[in-house]
Structures are given as C-alpha cells and as structure tokens.
Amino acid sequence: EREGVSSISSSDGRTSYADSVKGRFTISSDN
C-alpha cells in the first residue's frame, strides 16, 4: 500500500516524518 513518508507546511514550516525515515530523510521547501 501507499504510505506517507514526510510532509511540510509552507505557511508555518512544520515538518513531519514517518518513523522509518527519521534521521535519514529531510524535507524542505523553496517557496
């Protein structure tokens, strides 16, 4: 099944990560 990996909000900059990728993946945004 499709699973969530990471997310980011452009308005407040908050990020979230799945446990399986924490410490290895980094999400960022160039608005």
Full PDB file with SEQRES, HELIX, SHEET, SSBOND, CRYST1, ORIGX, SCALE, CONECT and MASTER records, all heavy atoms in Angstrom:
SEQRES   1 A   31  GLU ARG GLU GLY VAL SER SER ILE SER SER SER ASP GLY          
SEQRES   2 A   31  ARG THR SER TYR ALA ASP SER VAL LYS GLY ARG PHE THR          
SEQRES   3 A   31  ILE SER SER ASP ASN                                          
SHEET    1 AA1 2 SER A   6  ILE A   8  0                                        
SHEET    2 AA1 2 THR A  15  TYR A  17 -1                                        
CRYST1    1.000    1.000    1.000  90.00  90.00  90.00 P 1           1          
ORIGX1      1.000000  0.000000  0.000000        0.00000                         
ORIGX2      0.000000  1.000000  0.000000        0.00000                         
ORIGX3      0.000000  0.000000  1.000000        0.00000                         
SCALE1      1.000000  0.000000  0.000000        0.00000                         
SCALE2      0.000000  1.000000  0.000000        0.00000                         
SCALE3      0.000000  0.000000  1.000000        0.00000                         
ATOM      1  N   GLU A   1       0.829  -1.193   0.000  1.00  0.00           N  
ATOM      2  CA  GLU A   1       0.000   0.000   0.000  1.00  0.00           C  
ATOM      3  C   GLU A   1       0.869   1.252   0.000  1.00  0.00           C  
ATOM      4  O   GLU A   1       2.005   1.240   0.472  1.00  0.00           O  
ATOM      5  CB  GLU A   1      -0.922   0.008   1.220  1.00  0.00           C  
ATOM      6  CG  GLU A   1      -1.949  -1.113   1.225  1.00  0.00           C  
ATOM      7  CD  GLU A   1      -2.898  -1.022   2.395  1.00  0.00           C  
ATOM      8  OE1 GLU A   1      -2.652  -0.196   3.296  1.00  0.00           O  
ATOM      9  OE2 GLU A   1      -3.883  -1.764   2.405  1.00  0.00           O  
ATOM     10  N   ARG A   2       0.300   2.325  -0.526  1.00  0.00           N  
ATOM     11  CA  ARG A   2       0.980   3.602  -0.497  1.00  0.00           C  
ATOM     12  C   ARG A   2       1.079   4.094   0.944  1.00  0.00           C  
ATOM     13  O   ARG A   2       0.115   4.025   1.704  1.00  0.00           O  
ATOM     14  CB  ARG A   2       0.229   4.611  -1.361  1.00  0.00           C  
ATOM     15  CG  ARG A   2       0.995   5.880  -1.654  1.00  0.00           C  
ATOM     16  CD  ARG A   2       0.278   6.713  -2.728  1.00  0.00           C  
ATOM     17  NE  ARG A   2       0.194   5.988  -3.990  1.00  0.00           N  
ATOM     18  CZ  ARG A   2      -0.284   6.512  -5.111  1.00  0.00           C  
ATOM     19  NH1 ARG A   2      -0.716   7.771  -5.128  1.00  0.00           N  
ATOM     20  NH2 ARG A   2      -0.333   5.773  -6.207  1.00  0.00           N  
ATOM     21  N   GLU A   3       2.254   4.592   1.315  1.00  0.00           N  
ATOM     22  CA  GLU A   3       2.473   5.041   2.674  1.00  0.00           C  
ATOM     23  C   GLU A   3       3.047   6.450   2.703  1.00  0.00           C  
ATOM     24  O   GLU A   3       3.784   6.859   1.807  1.00  0.00           O  
ATOM     25  CB  GLU A   3       3.405   4.093   3.419  1.00  0.00           C  
ATOM     26  CG  GLU A   3       4.814   4.023   2.844  1.00  0.00           C  
ATOM     27  CD  GLU A   3       5.750   3.160   3.661  1.00  0.00           C  
ATOM     28  OE1 GLU A   3       5.387   2.789   4.794  1.00  0.00           O  
ATOM     29  OE2 GLU A   3       6.853   2.854   3.160  1.00  0.00           O  
ATOM     30  N   GLY A   4       2.719   7.180   3.751  1.00  0.00           N  
ATOM     31  CA  GLY A   4       3.253   8.508   3.931  1.00  0.00           C  
ATOM     32  C   GLY A   4       4.706   8.477   4.344  1.00  0.00           C  
ATOM     33  O   GLY A   4       5.118   7.625   5.132  1.00  0.00           O  
ATOM     34  N   VAL A   5       5.489   9.408   3.824  1.00  0.00           N  
ATOM     35  CA  VAL A   5       6.913   9.495   4.109  1.00  0.00           C  
ATOM     36  C   VAL A   5       7.238  10.759   4.901  1.00  0.00           C  
ATOM     37  O   VAL A   5       7.896  10.705   5.938  1.00  0.00           O  
ATOM     38  CB  VAL A   5       7.742   9.460   2.815  1.00  0.00           C  
ATOM     39  CG1 VAL A   5       9.225   9.651   3.118  1.00  0.00           C  
ATOM     40  CG2 VAL A   5       7.509   8.149   2.073  1.00  0.00           C  
ATOM     41  N   SER A   6       6.783  11.894   4.398  1.00  0.00           N  
ATOM     42  CA  SER A   6       7.112  13.168   5.019  1.00  0.00           C  
ATOM     43  C   SER A   6       6.151  14.234   4.515  1.00  0.00           C  
ATOM     44  O   SER A   6       5.537  14.075   3.463  1.00  0.00           O  
ATOM     45  CB  SER A   6       8.559  13.558   4.688  1.00  0.00           C  
ATOM     46  OG  SER A   6       8.939  14.752   5.348  1.00  0.00           O  
ATOM     47  N   SER A   7       6.042  15.324   5.252  1.00  0.00           N  
ATOM     48  CA  SER A   7       5.209  16.438   4.822  1.00  0.00           C  
ATOM     49  C   SER A   7       5.783  17.743   5.350  1.00  0.00           C  
ATOM     50  O   SER A   7       6.546  17.757   6.318  1.00  0.00           O  
ATOM     51  CB  SER A   7       3.758  16.268   5.284  1.00  0.00           C  
ATOM     52  OG  SER A   7       3.656  16.335   6.693  1.00  0.00           O  
ATOM     53  N   ILE A   8       5.390  18.833   4.697  1.00  0.00           N  
ATOM     54  CA  ILE A   8       5.830  20.159   5.105  1.00  0.00           C  
ATOM     55  C   ILE A   8       4.725  21.161   4.820  1.00  0.00           C  
ATOM     56  O   ILE A   8       4.018  21.055   3.816  1.00  0.00           O  
ATOM     57  CB  ILE A   8       7.142  20.560   4.393  1.00  0.00           C  
ATOM     58  CG1 ILE A   8       7.691  21.867   4.956  1.00  0.00           C  
ATOM     59  CG2 ILE A   8       6.939  20.642   2.881  1.00  0.00           C  
ATOM     60  CD1 ILE A   8       9.111  22.175   4.503  1.00  0.00           C  
ATOM     61  N   SER A   9       4.595  22.128   5.704  1.00  0.00           N  
ATOM     62  CA  SER A   9       3.672  23.234   5.515  1.00  0.00           C  
ATOM     63  C   SER A   9       4.470  24.467   5.134  1.00  0.00           C  
ATOM     64  O   SER A   9       5.375  24.877   5.864  1.00  0.00           O  
ATOM     65  CB  SER A   9       2.881  23.507   6.786  1.00  0.00           C  
ATOM     66  OG  SER A   9       2.200  24.738   6.698  1.00  0.00           O  
ATOM     67  N   SER A  10       4.136  25.071   3.999  1.00  0.00           N  
ATOM     68  CA  SER A  10       4.845  26.272   3.556  1.00  0.00           C  
ATOM     69  C   SER A  10       4.556  27.461   4.458  1.00  0.00           C  
ATOM     70  O   SER A  10       5.408  28.327   4.626  1.00  0.00           O  
ATOM     71  CB  SER A  10       4.454  26.610   2.122  1.00  0.00           C  
ATOM     72  OG  SER A  10       4.850  25.597   1.225  1.00  0.00           O  
ATOM     73  N   SER A  11       3.361  27.519   5.035  1.00  0.00           N  
ATOM     74  CA  SER A  11       2.957  28.671   5.823  1.00  0.00           C  
ATOM     75  C   SER A  11       3.650  28.747   7.174  1.00  0.00           C  
ATOM     76  O   SER A  11       4.015  29.841   7.618  1.00  0.00           O  
ATOM     77  CB  SER A  11       1.443  28.682   6.010  1.00  0.00           C  
ATOM     78  OG  SER A  11       1.004  27.530   6.697  1.00  0.00           O  
ATOM     79  N   ASP A  12       3.838  27.621   7.847  1.00  0.00           N  
ATOM     80  CA  ASP A  12       4.472  27.649   9.161  1.00  0.00           C  
ATOM     81  C   ASP A  12       5.770  26.854   9.240  1.00  0.00           C  
ATOM     82  O   ASP A  12       6.436  26.879  10.276  1.00  0.00           O  
ATOM     83  CB  ASP A  12       3.509  27.199  10.260  1.00  0.00           C  
ATOM     84  CG  ASP A  12       3.052  25.758  10.121  1.00  0.00           C  
ATOM     85  OD1 ASP A  12       3.670  24.994   9.348  1.00  0.00           O  
ATOM     86  OD2 ASP A  12       2.077  25.389  10.796  1.00  0.00           O  
ATOM     87  N   GLY A  13       6.131  26.148   8.175  1.00  0.00           N  
ATOM     88  CA  GLY A  13       7.402  25.447   8.110  1.00  0.00           C  
ATOM     89  C   GLY A  13       7.479  24.148   8.881  1.00  0.00           C  
ATOM     90  O   GLY A  13       8.554  23.538   8.943  1.00  0.00           O  
ATOM     91  N   ARG A  14       6.391  23.721   9.473  1.00  0.00           N  
ATOM     92  CA  ARG A  14       6.415  22.483  10.241  1.00  0.00           C  
ATOM     93  C   ARG A  14       6.582  21.280   9.327  1.00  0.00           C  
ATOM     94  O   ARG A  14       6.038  21.227   8.229  1.00  0.00           O  
ATOM     95  CB  ARG A  14       5.150  22.331  11.074  1.00  0.00           C  
ATOM     96  CG  ARG A  14       5.061  23.311  12.233  1.00  0.00           C  
ATOM     97  CD  ARG A  14       3.918  22.968  13.159  1.00  0.00           C  
ATOM     98  NE  ARG A  14       2.629  23.102  12.494  1.00  0.00           N  
ATOM     99  CZ  ARG A  14       1.467  22.765  13.037  1.00  0.00           C  
ATOM    100  NH1 ARG A  14       1.433  22.278  14.272  1.00  0.00           N  
ATOM    101  NH2 ARG A  14       0.347  22.933  12.363  1.00  0.00           N  
ATOM    102  N   THR A  15       7.335  20.301   9.808  1.00  0.00           N  
ATOM    103  CA  THR A  15       7.601  19.092   9.054  1.00  0.00           C  
ATOM    104  C   THR A  15       7.224  17.867   9.866  1.00  0.00           C  
ATOM    105  O   THR A  15       7.202  17.895  11.101  1.00  0.00           O  
ATOM    106  CB  THR A  15       9.076  18.999   8.651  1.00  0.00           C  
ATOM    107  OG1 THR A  15       9.899  18.998   9.827  1.00  0.00           O  
ATOM    108  CG2 THR A  15       9.478  20.178   7.780  1.00  0.00           C  
ATOM    109  N   SER A  16       6.942  16.791   9.157  1.00  0.00           N  
ATOM    110  CA  SER A  16       6.642  15.514   9.782  1.00  0.00           C  
ATOM    111  C   SER A  16       7.318  14.411   8.993  1.00  0.00           C  
ATOM    112  O   SER A  16       7.496  14.527   7.777  1.00  0.00           O  
ATOM    113  CB  SER A  16       5.132  15.262   9.832  1.00  0.00           C  
ATOM    114  OG  SER A  16       4.472  16.221  10.633  1.00  0.00           O  
ATOM    115  N   TYR A  17       7.679  13.326   9.688  1.00  0.00           N  
ATOM    116  CA  TYR A  17       8.360  12.213   9.061  1.00  0.00           C  
ATOM    117  C   TYR A  17       7.809  10.894   9.579  1.00  0.00           C  
ATOM    118  O   TYR A  17       7.474  10.764  10.757  1.00  0.00           O  
ATOM    119  CB  TYR A  17       9.861  12.238   9.353  1.00  0.00           C  
ATOM    120  CG  TYR A  17      10.573  13.452   8.820  1.00  0.00           C  
ATOM    121  CD1 TYR A  17      10.723  14.584   9.598  1.00  0.00           C  
ATOM    122  CD2 TYR A  17      11.095  13.457   7.532  1.00  0.00           C  
ATOM    123  CE1 TYR A  17      11.378  15.704   9.106  1.00  0.00           C  
ATOM    124  CE2 TYR A  17      11.745  14.571   7.033  1.00  0.00           C  
ATOM    125  CZ  TYR A  17      11.884  15.694   7.828  1.00  0.00           C  
ATOM    126  OH  TYR A  17      12.533  16.799   7.337  1.00  0.00           O  
ATOM    127  N   ALA A  18       7.743   9.929   8.700  1.00  0.00           N  
ATOM    128  CA  ALA A  18       7.455   8.576   9.125  1.00  0.00           C  
ATOM    129  C   ALA A  18       8.633   8.044   9.933  1.00  0.00           C  
ATOM    130  O   ALA A  18       9.788   8.412   9.696  1.00  0.00           O  
ATOM    131  CB  ALA A  18       7.197   7.681   7.921  1.00  0.00           C  
ATOM    132  N   ASP A  19       8.344   7.170  10.890  1.00  0.00           N  
ATOM    133  CA  ASP A  19       9.407   6.633  11.729  1.00  0.00           C  
ATOM    134  C   ASP A  19      10.497   5.940  10.919  1.00  0.00           C  
ATOM    135  O   ASP A  19      11.672   5.962  11.288  1.00  0.00           O  
ATOM    136  CB  ASP A  19       8.829   5.649  12.745  1.00  0.00           C  
ATOM    137  CG  ASP A  19       8.023   6.332  13.835  1.00  0.00           C  
ATOM    138  OD1 ASP A  19       8.176   7.554  14.017  1.00  0.00           O  
ATOM    139  OD2 ASP A  19       7.242   5.634  14.505  1.00  0.00           O  
ATOM    140  N   SER A  20      10.116   5.337   9.816  1.00  0.00           N  
ATOM    141  CA  SER A  20      11.056   4.571   9.013  1.00  0.00           C  
ATOM    142  C   SER A  20      12.119   5.430   8.330  1.00  0.00           C  
ATOM    143  O   SER A  20      13.147   4.903   7.899  1.00  0.00           O  
ATOM    144  CB  SER A  20      10.308   3.758   7.957  1.00  0.00           C  
ATOM    145  OG  SER A  20       9.562   4.599   7.099  1.00  0.00           O  
ATOM    146  N   VAL A  21      11.885   6.745   8.229  1.00  0.00           N  
ATOM    147  CA  VAL A  21      12.831   7.610   7.527  1.00  0.00           C  
ATOM    148  C   VAL A  21      13.414   8.696   8.411  1.00  0.00           C  
ATOM    149  O   VAL A  21      14.291   9.449   7.953  1.00  0.00           O  
ATOM    150  CB  VAL A  21      12.190   8.254   6.283  1.00  0.00           C  
ATOM    151  CG1 VAL A  21      11.604   7.193   5.373  1.00  0.00           C  
ATOM    152  CG2 VAL A  21      11.130   9.282   6.672  1.00  0.00           C  
ATOM    153  N   LYS A  22      12.987   8.786   9.646  1.00  0.00           N  
ATOM    154  CA  LYS A  22      13.517   9.811  10.544  1.00  0.00           C  
ATOM    155  C   LYS A  22      15.028   9.667  10.700  1.00  0.00           C  
ATOM    156  O   LYS A  22      15.539   8.572  10.882  1.00  0.00           O  
ATOM    157  CB  LYS A  22      12.851   9.721  11.910  1.00  0.00           C  
ATOM    158  CG  LYS A  22      11.432  10.243  11.946  1.00  0.00           C  
ATOM    159  CD  LYS A  22      10.837  10.147  13.344  1.00  0.00           C  
ATOM    160  CE  LYS A  22       9.422  10.690  13.373  1.00  0.00           C  
ATOM    161  NZ  LYS A  22       8.811  10.550  14.715  1.00  0.00           N  
ATOM    162  N   GLY A  23      15.716  10.788  10.620  1.00  0.00           N  
ATOM    163  CA  GLY A  23      17.162  10.791  10.721  1.00  0.00           C  
ATOM    164  C   GLY A  23      17.873  10.548   9.415  1.00  0.00           C  
ATOM    165  O   GLY A  23      19.094  10.743   9.333  1.00  0.00           O  
ATOM    166  N   ARG A  24      17.146  10.119   8.391  1.00  0.00           N  
ATOM    167  CA  ARG A  24      17.753   9.844   7.086  1.00  0.00           C  
ATOM    168  C   ARG A  24      17.229  10.775   5.993  1.00  0.00           C  
ATOM    169  O   ARG A  24      17.982  11.148   5.098  1.00  0.00           O  
ATOM    170  CB  ARG A  24      17.504   8.399   6.669  1.00  0.00           C  
ATOM    171  CG  ARG A  24      18.084   7.369   7.626  1.00  0.00           C  
ATOM    172  CD  ARG A  24      17.991   5.960   7.047  1.00  0.00           C  
ATOM    173  NE  ARG A  24      16.608   5.551   6.828  1.00  0.00           N  
ATOM    174  CZ  ARG A  24      16.101   5.206   5.646  1.00  0.00           C  
ATOM    175  NH1 ARG A  24      16.880   5.216   4.560  1.00  0.00           N  
ATOM    176  NH2 ARG A  24      14.834   4.836   5.539  1.00  0.00           N  
ATOM    177  N   PHE A  25      15.957  11.116   6.053  1.00  0.00           N  
ATOM    178  CA  PHE A  25      15.334  11.970   5.046  1.00  0.00           C  
ATOM    179  C   PHE A  25      15.072  13.351   5.617  1.00  0.00           C  
ATOM    180  O   PHE A  25      14.757  13.496   6.809  1.00  0.00           O  
ATOM    181  CB  PHE A  25      13.997  11.383   4.582  1.00  0.00           C  
ATOM    182  CG  PHE A  25      14.094  10.112   3.791  1.00  0.00           C  
ATOM    183  CD1 PHE A  25      15.274   9.410   3.659  1.00  0.00           C  
ATOM    184  CD2 PHE A  25      12.955   9.620   3.166  1.00  0.00           C  
ATOM    185  CE1 PHE A  25      15.345   8.233   2.932  1.00  0.00           C  
ATOM    186  CE2 PHE A  25      13.011   8.447   2.432  1.00  0.00           C  
ATOM    187  CZ  PHE A  25      14.196   7.754   2.317  1.00  0.00           C  
ATOM    188  N   THR A  26      15.172  14.361   4.766  1.00  0.00           N  
ATOM    189  CA  THR A  26      14.878  15.730   5.162  1.00  0.00           C  
ATOM    190  C   THR A  26      14.016  16.388   4.100  1.00  0.00           C  
ATOM    191  O   THR A  26      14.371  16.390   2.921  1.00  0.00           O  
ATOM    192  CB  THR A  26      16.165  16.555   5.351  1.00  0.00           C  
ATOM    193  OG1 THR A  26      17.004  15.940   6.326  1.00  0.00           O  
ATOM    194  CG2 THR A  26      15.819  17.970   5.817  1.00  0.00           C  
ATOM    195  N   ILE A  27      12.897  16.947   4.517  1.00  0.00           N  
ATOM    196  CA  ILE A  27      12.024  17.660   3.601  1.00  0.00           C  
ATOM    197  C   ILE A  27      12.268  19.158   3.747  1.00  0.00           C  
ATOM    198  O   ILE A  27      12.534  19.652   4.836  1.00  0.00           O  
ATOM    199  CB  ILE A  27      10.540  17.309   3.859  1.00  0.00           C  
ATOM    200  CG1 ILE A  27       9.651  17.819   2.723  1.00  0.00           C  
ATOM    201  CG2 ILE A  27      10.070  17.835   5.206  1.00  0.00           C  
ATOM    202  CD1 ILE A  27       8.224  17.274   2.782  1.00  0.00           C  
ATOM    203  N   SER A  28      12.195  19.878   2.639  1.00  0.00           N  
ATOM    204  CA  SER A  28      12.379  21.318   2.651  1.00  0.00           C  
ATOM    205  C   SER A  28      11.550  21.938   1.542  1.00  0.00           C  
ATOM    206  O   SER A  28      11.083  21.245   0.634  1.00  0.00           O  
ATOM    207  CB  SER A  28      13.858  21.699   2.502  1.00  0.00           C  
ATOM    208  OG  SER A  28      14.377  21.241   1.268  1.00  0.00           O  
ATOM    209  N   SER A  29      11.381  23.256   1.615  1.00  0.00           N  
ATOM    210  CA  SER A  29      10.549  23.956   0.653  1.00  0.00           C  
ATOM    211  C   SER A  29      11.227  25.239   0.197  1.00  0.00           C  
ATOM    212  O   SER A  29      11.794  25.965   1.003  1.00  0.00           O  
ATOM    213  CB  SER A  29       9.191  24.281   1.272  1.00  0.00           C  
ATOM    214  OG  SER A  29       8.378  25.011   0.379  1.00  0.00           O  
ATOM    215  N   ASP A  30      11.177  25.495  -1.093  1.00  0.00           N  
ATOM    216  CA  ASP A  30      11.615  26.758  -1.674  1.00  0.00           C  
ATOM    217  C   ASP A  30      10.364  27.428  -2.212  1.00  0.00           C  
ATOM    218  O   ASP A  30       9.924  27.145  -3.326  1.00  0.00           O  
ATOM    219  CB  ASP A  30      12.638  26.530  -2.775  1.00  0.00           C  
ATOM    220  CG  ASP A  30      13.212  27.826  -3.316  1.00  0.00           C  
ATOM    221  OD1 ASP A  30      12.590  28.889  -3.138  1.00  0.00           O  
ATOM    222  OD2 ASP A  30      14.299  27.783  -3.931  1.00  0.00           O  
ATOM    223  N   ASN A  31       9.781  28.306  -1.410  1.00  0.00           N  
ATOM    224  CA  ASN A  31       8.504  28.907  -1.776  1.00  0.00           C  
ATOM    225  C   ASN A  31       8.599  29.773  -3.032  1.00  0.00           C  
ATOM    226  O   ASN A  31       7.631  29.873  -3.787  1.00  0.00           O  
ATOM    227  CB  ASN A  31       7.957  29.735  -0.617  1.00  0.00           C  
ATOM    228  CG  ASN A  31       7.498  28.872   0.542  1.00  0.00           C  
ATOM    229  OD1 ASN A  31       7.592  27.645   0.493  1.00  0.00           O  
ATOM    230  ND2 ASN A  31       7.001  29.517   1.585  1.00  0.00           N  
TER     231      ASN A  31                                                      
MASTER        0    0    0    0    2    0    0    6  230    1    0    3          
END                                                                             
